[in-house]
Amino acid sequence: PDAPVLIDLSALTYCDSTGITVLVTAYHRACKVD
């Protein structure tokens, strides 16, 4: 809760459903620990 996590995707050129799943998993992890 004390420091944000920033996922910088500005140099991402392609993302499929597997990649989106990785990001959603990060979201759920962040939610668990606020």
Full PDB file with SEQRES, HELIX, SHEET, SSBOND, CRYST1, ORIGX, SCALE, CONECT and MASTER records, all heavy atoms in Angstrom:
SEQRES   1 A   34  PRO ASP ALA PRO VAL LEU ILE ASP LEU SER ALA LEU THR          
SEQRES   2 A   34  TYR CYS ASP SER THR GLY ILE THR VAL LEU VAL THR ALA          
SEQRES   3 A   34  TYR HIS ARG ALA CYS LYS VAL ASP                              
HELIX    1 AA1 SER A   17  LYS A   32  1                                  16    
CRYST1    1.000    1.000    1.000  90.00  90.00  90.00 P 1           1          
ORIGX1      1.000000  0.000000  0.000000        0.00000                         
ORIGX2      0.000000  1.000000  0.000000        0.00000                         
ORIGX3      0.000000  0.000000  1.000000        0.00000                         
SCALE1      1.000000  0.000000  0.000000        0.00000                         
SCALE2      0.000000  1.000000  0.000000        0.00000                         
SCALE3      0.000000  0.000000  1.000000        0.00000                         
ATOM      1  N   PRO A   1       0.792  -1.230   0.000  1.00  0.00           N  
ATOM      2  CA  PRO A   1       0.000   0.000   0.000  1.00  0.00           C  
ATOM      3  C   PRO A   1       0.827   1.283   0.000  1.00  0.00           C  
ATOM      4  O   PRO A   1       0.299   2.349  -0.303  1.00  0.00           O  
ATOM      5  CB  PRO A   1      -0.838  -0.111   1.276  1.00  0.00           C  
ATOM      6  CG  PRO A   1      -0.082  -1.048   2.146  1.00  0.00           C  
ATOM      7  CD  PRO A   1       0.656  -1.988   1.233  1.00  0.00           C  
ATOM      8  N   ASP A   2       2.111   1.200   0.288  1.00  0.00           N  
ATOM      9  CA  ASP A   2       2.910   2.413   0.447  1.00  0.00           C  
ATOM     10  C   ASP A   2       3.520   2.959  -0.834  1.00  0.00           C  
ATOM     11  O   ASP A   2       3.904   4.121  -0.879  1.00  0.00           O  
ATOM     12  CB  ASP A   2       4.020   2.177   1.466  1.00  0.00           C  
ATOM     13  CG  ASP A   2       3.458   1.888   2.847  1.00  0.00           C  
ATOM     14  OD1 ASP A   2       2.347   2.372   3.153  1.00  0.00           O  
ATOM     15  OD2 ASP A   2       4.119   1.162   3.609  1.00  0.00           O  
ATOM     16  N   ALA A   3       3.650   2.121  -1.864  1.00  0.00           N  
ATOM     17  CA  ALA A   3       4.264   2.595  -3.109  1.00  0.00           C  
ATOM     18  C   ALA A   3       3.529   1.989  -4.295  1.00  0.00           C  
ATOM     19  O   ALA A   3       3.275   0.780  -4.320  1.00  0.00           O  
ATOM     20  CB  ALA A   3       5.739   2.210  -3.157  1.00  0.00           C  
ATOM     21  N   PRO A   4       3.209   2.802  -5.276  1.00  0.00           N  
ATOM     22  CA  PRO A   4       2.490   2.271  -6.434  1.00  0.00           C  
ATOM     23  C   PRO A   4       3.373   1.415  -7.330  1.00  0.00           C  
ATOM     24  O   PRO A   4       4.603   1.542  -7.316  1.00  0.00           O  
ATOM     25  CB  PRO A   4       2.030   3.535  -7.172  1.00  0.00           C  
ATOM     26  CG  PRO A   4       2.986   4.585  -6.767  1.00  0.00           C  
ATOM     27  CD  PRO A   4       3.423   4.246  -5.369  1.00  0.00           C  
ATOM     28  N   VAL A   5       2.722   0.542  -8.076  1.00  0.00           N  
ATOM     29  CA  VAL A   5       3.376  -0.221  -9.125  1.00  0.00           C  
ATOM     30  C   VAL A   5       2.879   0.351 -10.445  1.00  0.00           C  
ATOM     31  O   VAL A   5       1.669   0.454 -10.670  1.00  0.00           O  
ATOM     32  CB  VAL A   5       3.052  -1.730  -9.018  1.00  0.00           C  
ATOM     33  CG1 VAL A   5       3.635  -2.487 -10.202  1.00  0.00           C  
ATOM     34  CG2 VAL A   5       3.563  -2.291  -7.696  1.00  0.00           C  
ATOM     35  N   LEU A   6       3.811   0.740 -11.286  1.00  0.00           N  
ATOM     36  CA  LEU A   6       3.484   1.314 -12.586  1.00  0.00           C  
ATOM     37  C   LEU A   6       3.978   0.365 -13.657  1.00  0.00           C  
ATOM     38  O   LEU A   6       5.167   0.061 -13.711  1.00  0.00           O  
ATOM     39  CB  LEU A   6       4.164   2.680 -12.765  1.00  0.00           C  
ATOM     40  CG  LEU A   6       4.114   3.653 -11.588  1.00  0.00           C  
ATOM     41  CD1 LEU A   6       4.866   4.927 -11.921  1.00  0.00           C  
ATOM     42  CD2 LEU A   6       2.686   3.943 -11.203  1.00  0.00           C  
ATOM     43  N   ILE A   7       3.085  -0.117 -14.474  1.00  0.00           N  
ATOM     44  CA  ILE A   7       3.481  -0.985 -15.586  1.00  0.00           C  
ATOM     45  C   ILE A   7       3.465  -0.119 -16.840  1.00  0.00           C  
ATOM     46  O   ILE A   7       2.401   0.284 -17.320  1.00  0.00           O  
ATOM     47  CB  ILE A   7       2.565  -2.211 -15.714  1.00  0.00           C  
ATOM     48  CG1 ILE A   7       2.590  -3.021 -14.414  1.00  0.00           C  
ATOM     49  CG2 ILE A   7       3.019  -3.076 -16.897  1.00  0.00           C  
ATOM     50  CD1 ILE A   7       1.664  -4.228 -14.404  1.00  0.00           C  
ATOM     51  N   ASP A   8       4.666   0.196 -17.318  1.00  0.00           N  
ATOM     52  CA  ASP A   8       4.835   1.103 -18.455  1.00  0.00           C  
ATOM     53  C   ASP A   8       4.778   0.292 -19.748  1.00  0.00           C  
ATOM     54  O   ASP A   8       5.698  -0.461 -20.072  1.00  0.00           O  
ATOM     55  CB  ASP A   8       6.172   1.831 -18.329  1.00  0.00           C  
ATOM     56  CG  ASP A   8       6.387   2.861 -19.418  1.00  0.00           C  
ATOM     57  OD1 ASP A   8       5.561   2.952 -20.358  1.00  0.00           O  
ATOM     58  OD2 ASP A   8       7.398   3.590 -19.337  1.00  0.00           O  
ATOM     59  N   LEU A   9       3.690   0.474 -20.478  1.00  0.00           N  
ATOM     60  CA  LEU A   9       3.454  -0.261 -21.708  1.00  0.00           C  
ATOM     61  C   LEU A   9       3.672   0.605 -22.951  1.00  0.00           C  
ATOM     62  O   LEU A   9       3.246   0.239 -24.045  1.00  0.00           O  
ATOM     63  CB  LEU A   9       2.022  -0.827 -21.706  1.00  0.00           C  
ATOM     64  CG  LEU A   9       1.695  -1.748 -20.528  1.00  0.00           C  
ATOM     65  CD1 LEU A   9       0.214  -2.112 -20.538  1.00  0.00           C  
ATOM     66  CD2 LEU A   9       2.562  -2.990 -20.552  1.00  0.00           C  
ATOM     67  N   SER A  10       4.349   1.732 -22.791  1.00  0.00           N  
ATOM     68  CA  SER A  10       4.506   2.661 -23.915  1.00  0.00           C  
ATOM     69  C   SER A  10       5.324   2.071 -25.064  1.00  0.00           C  
ATOM     70  O   SER A  10       5.170   2.501 -26.206  1.00  0.00           O  
ATOM     71  CB  SER A  10       5.105   3.986 -23.442  1.00  0.00           C  
ATOM     72  OG  SER A  10       6.343   3.787 -22.810  1.00  0.00           O  
ATOM     73  N   ALA A  11       6.168   1.077 -24.795  1.00  0.00           N  
ATOM     74  CA  ALA A  11       6.960   0.451 -25.858  1.00  0.00           C  
ATOM     75  C   ALA A  11       6.411  -0.918 -26.259  1.00  0.00           C  
ATOM     76  O   ALA A  11       7.070  -1.670 -26.976  1.00  0.00           O  
ATOM     77  CB  ALA A  11       8.419   0.330 -25.421  1.00  0.00           C  
ATOM     78  N   LEU A  12       5.196  -1.229 -25.812  1.00  0.00           N  
ATOM     79  CA  LEU A  12       4.555  -2.493 -26.176  1.00  0.00           C  
ATOM     80  C   LEU A  12       4.018  -2.369 -27.595  1.00  0.00           C  
ATOM     81  O   LEU A  12       3.299  -1.424 -27.916  1.00  0.00           O  
ATOM     82  CB  LEU A  12       3.418  -2.803 -25.199  1.00  0.00           C  
ATOM     83  CG  LEU A  12       2.796  -4.184 -25.291  1.00  0.00           C  
ATOM     84  CD1 LEU A  12       3.795  -5.251 -24.863  1.00  0.00           C  
ATOM     85  CD2 LEU A  12       1.552  -4.253 -24.419  1.00  0.00           C  
ATOM     86  N   THR A  13       4.361  -3.330 -28.450  1.00  0.00           N  
ATOM     87  CA  THR A  13       3.916  -3.264 -29.842  1.00  0.00           C  
ATOM     88  C   THR A  13       2.781  -4.230 -30.143  1.00  0.00           C  
ATOM     89  O   THR A  13       2.099  -4.093 -31.156  1.00  0.00           O  
ATOM     90  CB  THR A  13       5.084  -3.565 -30.800  1.00  0.00           C  
ATOM     91  OG1 THR A  13       5.635  -4.847 -30.483  1.00  0.00           O  
ATOM     92  CG2 THR A  13       6.165  -2.494 -30.680  1.00  0.00           C  
ATOM     93  N   TYR A  14       2.562  -5.226 -29.265  1.00  0.00           N  
ATOM     94  CA  TYR A  14       1.523  -6.222 -29.493  1.00  0.00           C  
ATOM     95  C   TYR A  14       1.151  -6.843 -28.156  1.00  0.00           C  
ATOM     96  O   TYR A  14       2.011  -7.041 -27.293  1.00  0.00           O  
ATOM     97  CB  TYR A  14       2.031  -7.307 -30.450  1.00  0.00           C  
ATOM     98  CG  TYR A  14       1.057  -8.439 -30.656  1.00  0.00           C  
ATOM     99  CD1 TYR A  14      -0.005  -8.317 -31.540  1.00  0.00           C  
ATOM    100  CD2 TYR A  14       1.190  -9.627 -29.947  1.00  0.00           C  
ATOM    101  CE1 TYR A  14      -0.913  -9.357 -31.721  1.00  0.00           C  
ATOM    102  CE2 TYR A  14       0.294 -10.673 -30.123  1.00  0.00           C  
ATOM    103  CZ  TYR A  14      -0.756 -10.529 -31.005  1.00  0.00           C  
ATOM    104  OH  TYR A  14      -1.642 -11.543 -31.187  1.00  0.00           O  
ATOM    105  N   CYS A  15      -0.132  -7.174 -27.988  1.00  0.00           N  
ATOM    106  CA  CYS A  15      -0.584  -7.853 -26.774  1.00  0.00           C  
ATOM    107  C   CYS A  15      -1.759  -8.743 -27.115  1.00  0.00           C  
ATOM    108  O   CYS A  15      -2.754  -8.266 -27.663  1.00  0.00           O  
ATOM    109  CB  CYS A  15      -0.983  -6.825 -25.711  1.00  0.00           C  
ATOM    110  SG  CYS A  15      -1.474  -7.540 -24.140  1.00  0.00           S  
ATOM    111  N   ASP A  16      -1.637 -10.038 -26.806  1.00  0.00           N  
ATOM    112  CA  ASP A  16      -2.757 -10.937 -27.033  1.00  0.00           C  
ATOM    113  C   ASP A  16      -3.452 -11.239 -25.705  1.00  0.00           C  
ATOM    114  O   ASP A  16      -3.146 -10.632 -24.673  1.00  0.00           O  
ATOM    115  CB  ASP A  16      -2.311 -12.210 -27.768  1.00  0.00           C  
ATOM    116  CG  ASP A  16      -1.493 -13.171 -26.919  1.00  0.00           C  
ATOM    117  OD1 ASP A  16      -1.273 -12.910 -25.711  1.00  0.00           O  
ATOM    118  OD2 ASP A  16      -1.070 -14.213 -27.463  1.00  0.00           O  
ATOM    119  N   SER A  17      -4.376 -12.184 -25.731  1.00  0.00           N  
ATOM    120  CA  SER A  17      -5.161 -12.481 -24.531  1.00  0.00           C  
ATOM    121  C   SER A  17      -4.295 -13.008 -23.386  1.00  0.00           C  
ATOM    122  O   SER A  17      -4.592 -12.756 -22.217  1.00  0.00           O  
ATOM    123  CB  SER A  17      -6.280 -13.472 -24.849  1.00  0.00           C  
ATOM    124  OG  SER A  17      -5.746 -14.689 -25.313  1.00  0.00           O  
ATOM    125  N   THR A  18      -3.226 -13.702 -23.701  1.00  0.00           N  
ATOM    126  CA  THR A  18      -2.326 -14.177 -22.648  1.00  0.00           C  
ATOM    127  C   THR A  18      -1.678 -12.997 -21.939  1.00  0.00           C  
ATOM    128  O   THR A  18      -1.562 -12.973 -20.716  1.00  0.00           O  
ATOM    129  CB  THR A  18      -1.245 -15.111 -23.224  1.00  0.00           C  
ATOM    130  OG1 THR A  18      -1.872 -16.165 -23.945  1.00  0.00           O  
ATOM    131  CG2 THR A  18      -0.370 -15.680 -22.125  1.00  0.00           C  
ATOM    132  N   GLY A  19      -1.280 -12.001 -22.693  1.00  0.00           N  
ATOM    133  CA  GLY A  19      -0.690 -10.799 -22.106  1.00  0.00           C  
ATOM    134  C   GLY A  19      -1.685 -10.058 -21.234  1.00  0.00           C  
ATOM    135  O   GLY A  19      -1.343  -9.586 -20.147  1.00  0.00           O  
ATOM    136  N   ILE A  20      -2.912  -9.972 -21.700  1.00  0.00           N  
ATOM    137  CA  ILE A  20      -3.951  -9.317 -20.905  1.00  0.00           C  
ATOM    138  C   ILE A  20      -4.165 -10.070 -19.605  1.00  0.00           C  
ATOM    139  O   ILE A  20      -4.330  -9.473 -18.544  1.00  0.00           O  
ATOM    140  CB  ILE A  20      -5.242  -9.169 -21.729  1.00  0.00           C  
ATOM    141  CG1 ILE A  20      -5.028  -8.119 -22.826  1.00  0.00           C  
ATOM    142  CG2 ILE A  20      -6.420  -8.791 -20.843  1.00  0.00           C  
ATOM    143  CD1 ILE A  20      -6.147  -8.008 -23.830  1.00  0.00           C  
ATOM    144  N   THR A  21      -4.098 -11.395 -19.667  1.00  0.00           N  
ATOM    145  CA  THR A  21      -4.248 -12.204 -18.459  1.00  0.00           C  
ATOM    146  C   THR A  21      -3.137 -11.898 -17.456  1.00  0.00           C  
ATOM    147  O   THR A  21      -3.387 -11.823 -16.245  1.00  0.00           O  
ATOM    148  CB  THR A  21      -4.271 -13.705 -18.814  1.00  0.00           C  
ATOM    149  OG1 THR A  21      -5.390 -13.945 -19.667  1.00  0.00           O  
ATOM    150  CG2 THR A  21      -4.381 -14.573 -17.577  1.00  0.00           C  
ATOM    151  N   VAL A  22      -1.926 -11.708 -17.922  1.00  0.00           N  
ATOM    152  CA  VAL A  22      -0.816 -11.355 -17.027  1.00  0.00           C  
ATOM    153  C   VAL A  22      -1.128 -10.028 -16.322  1.00  0.00           C  
ATOM    154  O   VAL A  22      -0.919  -9.894 -15.109  1.00  0.00           O  
ATOM    155  CB  VAL A  22       0.520 -11.260 -17.801  1.00  0.00           C  
ATOM    156  CG1 VAL A  22       1.627 -10.698 -16.918  1.00  0.00           C  
ATOM    157  CG2 VAL A  22       0.910 -12.624 -18.348  1.00  0.00           C  
ATOM    158  N   LEU A  23      -1.648  -9.073 -17.055  1.00  0.00           N  
ATOM    159  CA  LEU A  23      -1.965  -7.763 -16.466  1.00  0.00           C  
ATOM    160  C   LEU A  23      -3.121  -7.872 -15.477  1.00  0.00           C  
ATOM    161  O   LEU A  23      -3.094  -7.242 -14.410  1.00  0.00           O  
ATOM    162  CB  LEU A  23      -2.274  -6.755 -17.572  1.00  0.00           C  
ATOM    163  CG  LEU A  23      -1.121  -6.482 -18.536  1.00  0.00           C  
ATOM    164  CD1 LEU A  23      -1.591  -5.594 -19.686  1.00  0.00           C  
ATOM    165  CD2 LEU A  23       0.064  -5.858 -17.813  1.00  0.00           C  
ATOM    166  N   VAL A  24      -4.125  -8.661 -15.798  1.00  0.00           N  
ATOM    167  CA  VAL A  24      -5.252  -8.851 -14.883  1.00  0.00           C  
ATOM    168  C   VAL A  24      -4.775  -9.555 -13.605  1.00  0.00           C  
ATOM    169  O   VAL A  24      -5.211  -9.225 -12.503  1.00  0.00           O  
ATOM    170  CB  VAL A  24      -6.404  -9.620 -15.566  1.00  0.00           C  
ATOM    171  CG1 VAL A  24      -7.468 -10.034 -14.570  1.00  0.00           C  
ATOM    172  CG2 VAL A  24      -7.019  -8.762 -16.676  1.00  0.00           C  
ATOM    173  N   THR A  25      -3.869 -10.498 -13.746  1.00  0.00           N  
ATOM    174  CA  THR A  25      -3.303 -11.180 -12.574  1.00  0.00           C  
ATOM    175  C   THR A  25      -2.572 -10.172 -11.685  1.00  0.00           C  
ATOM    176  O   THR A  25      -2.689 -10.228 -10.451  1.00  0.00           O  
ATOM    177  CB  THR A  25      -2.366 -12.316 -13.015  1.00  0.00           C  
ATOM    178  OG1 THR A  25      -3.118 -13.249 -13.803  1.00  0.00           O  
ATOM    179  CG2 THR A  25      -1.759 -13.038 -11.828  1.00  0.00           C  
ATOM    180  N   ALA A  26      -1.845  -9.242 -12.288  1.00  0.00           N  
ATOM    181  CA  ALA A  26      -1.179  -8.192 -11.513  1.00  0.00           C  
ATOM    182  C   ALA A  26      -2.212  -7.325 -10.793  1.00  0.00           C  
ATOM    183  O   ALA A  26      -2.017  -6.940  -9.630  1.00  0.00           O  
ATOM    184  CB  ALA A  26      -0.304  -7.335 -12.421  1.00  0.00           C  
ATOM    185  N   TYR A  27      -3.308  -7.034 -11.459  1.00  0.00           N  
ATOM    186  CA  TYR A  27      -4.388  -6.258 -10.847  1.00  0.00           C  
ATOM    187  C   TYR A  27      -4.924  -6.971  -9.609  1.00  0.00           C  
ATOM    188  O   TYR A  27      -5.095  -6.365  -8.554  1.00  0.00           O  
ATOM    189  CB  TYR A  27      -5.504  -6.020 -11.867  1.00  0.00           C  
ATOM    190  CG  TYR A  27      -6.763  -5.475 -11.252  1.00  0.00           C  
ATOM    191  CD1 TYR A  27      -6.879  -4.112 -10.973  1.00  0.00           C  
ATOM    192  CD2 TYR A  27      -7.825  -6.307 -10.925  1.00  0.00           C  
ATOM    193  CE1 TYR A  27      -8.030  -3.611 -10.387  1.00  0.00           C  
ATOM    194  CE2 TYR A  27      -8.970  -5.814 -10.346  1.00  0.00           C  
ATOM    195  CZ  TYR A  27      -9.067  -4.459 -10.072  1.00  0.00           C  
ATOM    196  OH  TYR A  27     -10.211  -3.973  -9.480  1.00  0.00           O  
ATOM    197  N   HIS A  28      -5.186  -8.265  -9.718  1.00  0.00           N  
ATOM    198  CA  HIS A  28      -5.716  -9.020  -8.580  1.00  0.00           C  
ATOM    199  C   HIS A  28      -4.709  -9.062  -7.427  1.00  0.00           C  
ATOM    200  O   HIS A  28      -5.093  -8.943  -6.261  1.00  0.00           O  
ATOM    201  CB  HIS A  28      -6.113 -10.439  -8.999  1.00  0.00           C  
ATOM    202  CG  HIS A  28      -7.352 -10.469  -9.827  1.00  0.00           C  
ATOM    203  ND1 HIS A  28      -8.588 -10.089  -9.349  1.00  0.00           N  
ATOM    204  CD2 HIS A  28      -7.563 -10.821 -11.111  1.00  0.00           C  
ATOM    205  CE1 HIS A  28      -9.494 -10.209 -10.298  1.00  0.00           C  
ATOM    206  NE2 HIS A  28      -8.899 -10.642 -11.385  1.00  0.00           N  
ATOM    207  N   ARG A  29      -3.439  -9.204  -7.759  1.00  0.00           N  
ATOM    208  CA  ARG A  29      -2.407  -9.193  -6.718  1.00  0.00           C  
ATOM    209  C   ARG A  29      -2.389  -7.841  -6.015  1.00  0.00           C  
ATOM    210  O   ARG A  29      -2.291  -7.768  -4.786  1.00  0.00           O  
ATOM    211  CB  ARG A  29      -1.048  -9.490  -7.338  1.00  0.00           C  
ATOM    212  CG  ARG A  29       0.062  -9.516  -6.318  1.00  0.00           C  
ATOM    213  CD  ARG A  29       1.368  -9.955  -6.918  1.00  0.00           C  
ATOM    214  NE  ARG A  29       2.421  -9.735  -5.951  1.00  0.00           N  
ATOM    215  CZ  ARG A  29       3.659  -9.450  -6.280  1.00  0.00           C  
ATOM    216  NH1 ARG A  29       4.020  -9.387  -7.552  1.00  0.00           N  
ATOM    217  NH2 ARG A  29       4.566  -9.251  -5.346  1.00  0.00           N  
ATOM    218  N   ALA A  30      -2.486  -6.761  -6.775  1.00  0.00           N  
ATOM    219  CA  ALA A  30      -2.497  -5.423  -6.187  1.00  0.00           C  
ATOM    220  C   ALA A  30      -3.701  -5.239  -5.269  1.00  0.00           C  
ATOM    221  O   ALA A  30      -3.580  -4.677  -4.176  1.00  0.00           O  
ATOM    222  CB  ALA A  30      -2.490  -4.362  -7.293  1.00  0.00           C  
ATOM    223  N   CYS A  31      -4.848  -5.727  -5.702  1.00  0.00           N  
ATOM    224  CA  CYS A  31      -6.068  -5.597  -4.888  1.00  0.00           C  
ATOM    225  C   CYS A  31      -5.936  -6.321  -3.557  1.00  0.00           C  
ATOM    226  O   CYS A  31      -6.392  -5.823  -2.520  1.00  0.00           O  
ATOM    227  CB  CYS A  31      -7.275  -6.122  -5.650  1.00  0.00           C  
ATOM    228  SG  CYS A  31      -7.807  -5.040  -6.986  1.00  0.00           S  
ATOM    229  N   LYS A  32      -5.326  -7.496  -3.569  1.00  0.00           N  
ATOM    230  CA  LYS A  32      -5.191  -8.293  -2.351  1.00  0.00           C  
ATOM    231  C   LYS A  32      -4.407  -7.575  -1.257  1.00  0.00           C  
ATOM    232  O   LYS A  32      -4.640  -7.803  -0.073  1.00  0.00           O  
ATOM    233  CB  LYS A  32      -4.514  -9.628  -2.650  1.00  0.00           C  
ATOM    234  CG  LYS A  32      -5.411 -10.620  -3.332  1.00  0.00           C  
ATOM    235  CD  LYS A  32      -4.684 -11.931  -3.567  1.00  0.00           C  
ATOM    236  CE  LYS A  32      -5.574 -12.882  -4.337  1.00  0.00           C  
ATOM    237  NZ  LYS A  32      -4.869 -14.129  -4.667  1.00  0.00           N  
ATOM    238  N   VAL A  33      -3.460  -6.721  -1.657  1.00  0.00           N  
ATOM    239  CA  VAL A  33      -2.619  -6.036  -0.666  1.00  0.00           C  
ATOM    240  C   VAL A  33      -2.847  -4.524  -0.669  1.00  0.00           C  
ATOM    241  O   VAL A  33      -2.068  -3.775  -0.094  1.00  0.00           O  
ATOM    242  CB  VAL A  33      -1.125  -6.371  -0.876  1.00  0.00           C  
ATOM    243  CG1 VAL A  33      -0.863  -7.847  -0.640  1.00  0.00           C  
ATOM    244  CG2 VAL A  33      -0.642  -5.939  -2.248  1.00  0.00           C  
ATOM    245  N   ASP A  34      -3.928  -4.097  -1.333  1.00  0.00           N  
ATOM    246  CA  ASP A  34      -4.289  -2.675  -1.394  1.00  0.00           C  
ATOM    247  C   ASP A  34      -3.162  -1.822  -1.972  1.00  0.00           C  
ATOM    248  O   ASP A  34      -2.876  -0.729  -1.490  1.00  0.00           O  
ATOM    249  CB  ASP A  34      -4.705  -2.178  -0.007  1.00  0.00           C  
ATOM    250  CG  ASP A  34      -5.533  -0.907  -0.086  1.00  0.00           C  
ATOM    251  OD1 ASP A  34      -6.207  -0.706  -1.107  1.00  0.00           O  
ATOM    252  OD2 ASP A  34      -5.477  -0.117   0.878  1.00  0.00           O  
TER     253      ASP A  34                                                      
MASTER        0    0    0    1    0    0    0    6  252    1    0    3          
END                                                                             
